[in-house]
Amino acid sequence: MPEMLSAQTLLISGLLGLSTVLNIIVPVSGSAIVTPLLAMLVDPYRAIGIASFFFFLSAIPRIFFFRKSIQWQEIRTLLLPSGIAAFFGALALVVVPVRWLLIIILLFSLYFLLKKLHIIPQTKKPSRFLDYVVGLFSGFLQGTGLAGSDLRNQYLYAQDLNIAEVHGTTALIGGTNFFVATVVRLYTNQLVLPDITPLLYLFPIIIIATWLGRKILFKLPKKVSDGIVIGIMTIVVLTFAYAVFLK
């Protein structure tokens, strides 16, 4: 990161700020945008580690701006197993074949989409076992640098949470996961401090972008917001289906 050209730094900073705004309005996996951008400048392994720290920084203003929308019952269920799994995910090389992971995420995402569309009936009391599985698996994926937020967000949308509630809730859980993963990577020398300190200069941009995205989000009518949620969930399912069967 220190060797980046200033023009590249400005370009990537602007794109990261723009992606932060868009991700508030239309929450898609940050790893699908941020990690490839960083991989343009550094090797993929460092890009994953640097992206984890960027996501941790991004979570801080989201927690603040969406603090009133945090669903604490979901935090109590998901936070601990997710954080523990993120620790082991950051330590581990991914030994499970990527295709298997994609299939698991696809099946979960399809299940949650069908629940959101009420094709699968909503249960009055969600399965505690499913809660823990989602917490563990999404945390492990985030620890390894993969898109664990997709799985967790699909689960939260299936519980009929709106976009603001998902932002506040998943920011607290994901921010914890990324903090744990960053500490592990620094301790195990997967990252060094000079890799991530330049991102601190982006923090004011992240704050402003999050505030702007929140203002736009709260002006959206509920029907539009619900349509965005279903659209996102459908795109996630189609994306993983493509990755599993066609790519």
Protein backbone atom coordinates (compact mmCIF):
# COMPACT_ATOMS: atom_id res chain seq x y z
CA MET A 1 0.00 0.00 0.00
CA PRO A 2 2.76 2.54 0.76
CA GLU A 3 4.11 2.17 -2.78
CA MET A 4 0.83 3.26 -4.38
CA LEU A 5 1.05 6.17 -6.80
CA SER A 6 -0.79 9.27 -5.63
CA ALA A 7 -3.09 9.26 -8.68
CA GLN A 8 -4.03 5.65 -7.97
CA THR A 9 -4.61 6.48 -4.32
CA LEU A 10 -6.98 9.32 -5.21
CA LEU A 11 -8.85 7.17 -7.73
CA ILE A 12 -9.24 4.23 -5.34
CA SER A 13 -10.22 6.58 -2.50
CA GLY A 14 -12.97 8.08 -4.64
CA LEU A 15 -14.23 4.68 -5.75
CA LEU A 16 -14.24 3.35 -2.19
CA GLY A 17 -16.20 6.39 -1.05
CA LEU A 18 -18.70 5.94 -3.89
CA SER A 19 -19.05 2.23 -3.12
CA THR A 20 -19.79 3.12 0.52
CA VAL A 21 -22.67 5.40 -0.51
CA LEU A 22 -24.09 2.84 -2.94
CA ASN A 23 -23.72 0.02 -0.44
CA ILE A 24 -25.92 1.91 2.05
CA ILE A 25 -28.68 2.39 -0.53
CA VAL A 26 -28.36 -1.02 -2.20
CA PRO A 27 -26.52 -3.30 0.23
CA VAL A 28 -24.48 -5.78 -1.76
CA SER A 29 -21.38 -7.63 -0.65
CA GLY A 30 -18.54 -5.20 -0.08
CA SER A 31 -16.03 -7.90 -0.92
CA ALA A 32 -17.40 -7.96 -4.48
CA ILE A 33 -16.28 -4.33 -4.95
CA VAL A 34 -13.67 -3.36 -2.40
CA THR A 35 -11.38 -6.40 -2.58
CA PRO A 36 -11.06 -6.29 -6.41
CA LEU A 37 -10.29 -2.55 -6.23
CA LEU A 38 -7.51 -3.15 -3.70
CA ALA A 39 -6.25 -6.13 -5.71
CA MET A 40 -5.49 -3.67 -8.51
CA LEU A 41 -2.79 -2.20 -6.28
CA VAL A 42 -1.47 -5.08 -4.16
CA ASP A 43 -1.39 -8.87 -4.31
CA PRO A 44 -4.70 -10.68 -3.62
CA TYR A 45 -3.69 -11.95 -0.18
CA ARG A 46 -2.80 -8.48 1.06
CA ALA A 47 -5.91 -7.11 -0.66
CA ILE A 48 -8.12 -9.42 1.44
CA GLY A 49 -6.39 -8.34 4.64
CA ILE A 50 -6.50 -4.64 3.81
CA ALA A 51 -10.17 -4.97 2.81
CA SER A 52 -10.93 -6.50 6.22
CA PHE A 53 -9.55 -3.39 7.92
CA PHE A 54 -11.48 -1.16 5.51
CA PHE A 55 -14.72 -3.00 6.37
CA PHE A 56 -13.94 -2.58 10.08
CA LEU A 57 -13.52 1.18 9.59
CA SER A 58 -16.72 1.28 7.51
CA ALA A 59 -18.66 -0.45 10.28
CA ILE A 60 -17.89 2.27 12.85
CA PRO A 61 -19.97 5.08 11.29
CA ARG A 62 -22.68 2.59 10.27
CA ILE A 63 -23.07 1.50 13.89
CA PHE A 64 -23.37 5.16 14.91
CA PHE A 65 -25.73 6.32 12.15
CA PHE A 66 -27.96 3.22 12.35
CA ARG A 67 -27.70 2.69 16.13
CA LYS A 68 -31.45 3.14 16.63
CA SER A 69 -32.15 0.41 14.08
CA ILE A 70 -29.92 -2.26 15.66
CA GLN A 71 -31.90 -5.40 16.48
CA TRP A 72 -30.37 -6.50 19.76
CA GLN A 73 -32.10 -9.87 19.84
CA GLU A 74 -30.22 -10.77 16.64
CA ILE A 75 -26.98 -9.42 18.12
CA ARG A 76 -27.35 -11.64 21.18
CA THR A 77 -27.86 -14.68 18.95
CA LEU A 78 -25.29 -14.09 16.19
CA LEU A 79 -22.43 -12.03 17.62
CA LEU A 80 -20.59 -14.57 19.78
CA PRO A 81 -20.58 -17.54 17.37
CA SER A 82 -19.78 -15.23 14.48
CA GLY A 83 -16.81 -13.62 16.25
CA ILE A 84 -15.38 -16.98 17.34
CA ALA A 85 -15.71 -18.37 13.81
CA ALA A 86 -14.07 -15.22 12.35
CA PHE A 87 -11.04 -15.87 14.58
CA PHE A 88 -10.58 -19.37 13.18
CA GLY A 89 -11.42 -18.23 9.65
CA ALA A 90 -8.61 -15.64 9.78
CA LEU A 91 -6.18 -18.30 11.01
CA ALA A 92 -7.14 -20.97 8.53
CA LEU A 93 -6.28 -21.42 4.94
CA VAL A 94 -9.49 -22.28 3.16
CA VAL A 95 -9.29 -26.06 2.90
CA VAL A 96 -12.90 -26.59 1.87
CA PRO A 97 -13.23 -26.42 -1.94
CA VAL A 98 -14.59 -23.06 -3.04
CA ARG A 99 -17.33 -24.75 -5.07
CA TRP A 100 -18.68 -26.43 -1.91
CA LEU A 101 -18.80 -23.10 -0.12
CA LEU A 102 -20.63 -21.52 -3.06
CA ILE A 103 -23.21 -24.34 -3.08
CA ILE A 104 -23.83 -23.95 0.67
CA ILE A 105 -24.28 -20.18 0.32
CA LEU A 106 -26.58 -20.67 -2.69
CA LEU A 107 -28.83 -23.08 -0.79
CA PHE A 108 -29.05 -20.80 2.24
CA SER A 109 -29.68 -17.72 0.05
CA LEU A 110 -32.42 -19.46 -1.93
CA TYR A 111 -34.08 -20.62 1.31
CA PHE A 112 -34.04 -17.08 2.75
CA LEU A 113 -35.38 -15.57 -0.50
CA LEU A 114 -38.30 -18.02 -0.51
CA LYS A 115 -39.03 -17.11 3.11
CA LYS A 116 -38.95 -13.39 2.27
CA LEU A 117 -41.41 -13.99 -0.58
CA HIS A 118 -43.57 -16.05 1.85
CA ILE A 119 -43.31 -19.09 -0.42
CA ILE A 120 -41.88 -20.85 2.62
CA PRO A 121 -44.12 -19.94 5.59
CA GLN A 122 -42.61 -17.76 8.30
CA THR A 123 -42.23 -19.55 11.63
CA LYS A 124 -43.25 -17.74 14.81
CA LYS A 125 -39.97 -18.72 16.47
CA PRO A 126 -36.92 -19.11 14.21
CA SER A 127 -34.80 -22.22 14.72
CA ARG A 128 -32.03 -21.53 17.25
CA PHE A 129 -29.89 -24.13 15.47
CA LEU A 130 -30.23 -22.22 12.18
CA ASP A 131 -29.34 -19.00 14.01
CA TYR A 132 -26.08 -20.47 15.25
CA VAL A 133 -25.25 -22.07 11.89
CA VAL A 134 -25.69 -18.71 10.14
CA GLY A 135 -23.61 -16.97 12.80
CA LEU A 136 -20.78 -19.49 12.64
CA PHE A 137 -20.66 -19.87 8.87
CA SER A 138 -20.98 -16.17 8.04
CA GLY A 139 -18.33 -15.31 10.64
CA PHE A 140 -15.93 -17.94 9.28
CA LEU A 141 -16.40 -16.66 5.73
CA GLN A 142 -15.73 -13.08 6.81
CA GLY A 143 -12.65 -14.22 8.71
CA THR A 144 -11.25 -15.82 5.56
CA GLY A 145 -12.09 -12.75 3.46
CA LEU A 146 -15.09 -14.22 1.64
CA ALA A 147 -18.58 -12.75 1.41
CA GLY A 148 -20.06 -13.78 4.76
CA SER A 149 -22.25 -10.69 4.95
CA ASP A 150 -24.35 -11.95 2.02
CA LEU A 151 -25.43 -14.99 4.01
CA ARG A 152 -26.09 -13.06 7.22
CA ASN A 153 -27.99 -10.29 5.44
CA GLN A 154 -30.17 -12.79 3.59
CA TYR A 155 -30.98 -14.36 6.95
CA LEU A 156 -31.85 -10.98 8.50
CA TYR A 157 -34.03 -9.97 5.55
CA ALA A 158 -35.85 -13.27 5.93
CA GLN A 159 -36.69 -12.21 9.49
CA ASP A 160 -38.52 -9.22 7.92
CA LEU A 161 -35.92 -6.66 8.97
CA ASN A 162 -35.79 -3.57 6.79
CA ILE A 163 -32.61 -2.22 5.17
CA ALA A 164 -31.81 0.20 8.02
CA GLU A 165 -32.23 -2.56 10.62
CA VAL A 166 -29.99 -4.87 8.61
CA HIS A 167 -27.36 -2.12 8.27
CA GLY A 168 -27.22 -1.42 12.01
CA THR A 169 -27.31 -5.07 13.06
CA THR A 170 -24.87 -6.46 10.51
CA ALA A 171 -22.46 -3.53 10.97
CA LEU A 172 -22.01 -4.40 14.64
CA ILE A 173 -21.53 -8.11 13.92
CA GLY A 174 -19.42 -7.64 10.80
CA GLY A 175 -17.33 -4.89 12.39
CA THR A 176 -16.50 -7.25 15.25
CA ASN A 177 -15.59 -10.02 12.80
CA PHE A 178 -13.33 -7.77 10.77
CA PHE A 179 -11.64 -6.37 13.88
CA VAL A 180 -10.90 -9.92 15.06
CA ALA A 181 -9.67 -10.94 11.59
CA THR A 182 -7.40 -7.87 11.34
CA VAL A 183 -5.84 -8.49 14.75
CA VAL A 184 -5.21 -12.14 13.85
CA ARG A 185 -3.64 -11.20 10.50
CA LEU A 186 -1.38 -8.63 12.14
CA TYR A 187 -0.35 -11.10 14.86
CA THR A 188 0.42 -13.83 12.33
CA ASN A 189 2.20 -11.41 9.96
CA GLN A 190 -0.31 -11.85 7.17
CA LEU A 191 -0.45 -8.05 7.36
CA VAL A 192 1.86 -5.35 8.69
CA LEU A 193 0.82 -1.95 10.02
CA PRO A 194 2.11 0.01 6.98
CA ASP A 195 -0.37 -2.00 4.86
CA ILE A 196 -3.40 -0.61 6.67
CA THR A 197 -2.44 2.77 8.15
CA PRO A 198 -3.07 4.64 4.84
CA LEU A 199 -6.73 3.66 5.16
CA LEU A 200 -7.02 5.86 8.24
CA TYR A 201 -6.81 8.86 5.90
CA LEU A 202 -9.96 7.56 4.20
CA PHE A 203 -11.95 7.48 7.43
CA PRO A 204 -13.44 11.02 7.00
CA ILE A 205 -14.56 10.01 3.48
CA ILE A 206 -16.15 6.84 4.89
CA ILE A 207 -18.05 8.87 7.51
CA ILE A 208 -19.37 11.39 4.97
CA ALA A 209 -20.29 8.65 2.48
CA THR A 210 -22.18 6.70 5.16
CA TRP A 211 -24.06 9.82 6.28
CA LEU A 212 -24.99 10.64 2.67
CA GLY A 213 -26.14 7.09 1.94
CA ARG A 214 -28.27 7.08 5.11
CA LYS A 215 -30.01 10.33 4.14
CA ILE A 216 -30.88 8.92 0.70
CA LEU A 217 -32.02 5.60 2.18
CA PHE A 218 -34.49 7.11 4.65
CA LYS A 219 -36.16 9.11 1.87
CA LEU A 220 -37.06 5.95 -0.04
CA PRO A 221 -40.74 4.83 0.17
CA LYS A 222 -41.27 1.49 1.93
CA LYS A 223 -42.44 -0.19 -1.28
CA VAL A 224 -39.25 0.88 -3.02
CA SER A 225 -37.17 -0.26 -0.06
CA ASP A 226 -38.91 -3.67 0.00
CA GLY A 227 -38.44 -3.97 -3.74
CA ILE A 228 -34.73 -3.25 -3.36
CA VAL A 229 -34.44 -5.92 -0.67
CA ILE A 230 -36.14 -8.59 -2.81
CA GLY A 231 -34.12 -7.48 -5.83
CA ILE A 232 -30.86 -7.77 -3.89
CA MET A 233 -31.77 -11.20 -2.56
CA THR A 234 -32.66 -12.38 -6.07
CA ILE A 235 -29.41 -11.03 -7.53
CA VAL A 236 -27.42 -12.78 -4.79
CA VAL A 237 -29.13 -16.11 -5.58
CA LEU A 238 -28.58 -15.71 -9.34
CA THR A 239 -24.95 -14.66 -8.83
CA PHE A 240 -24.14 -17.72 -6.73
CA ALA A 241 -26.12 -19.97 -9.09
CA TYR A 242 -24.00 -18.67 -11.97
CA ALA A 243 -20.80 -19.22 -9.98
CA VAL A 244 -21.83 -22.80 -9.12
CA PHE A 245 -23.28 -24.04 -12.40
CA LEU A 246 -21.97 -21.88 -15.23
CA LYS A 247 -18.65 -20.30 -14.29
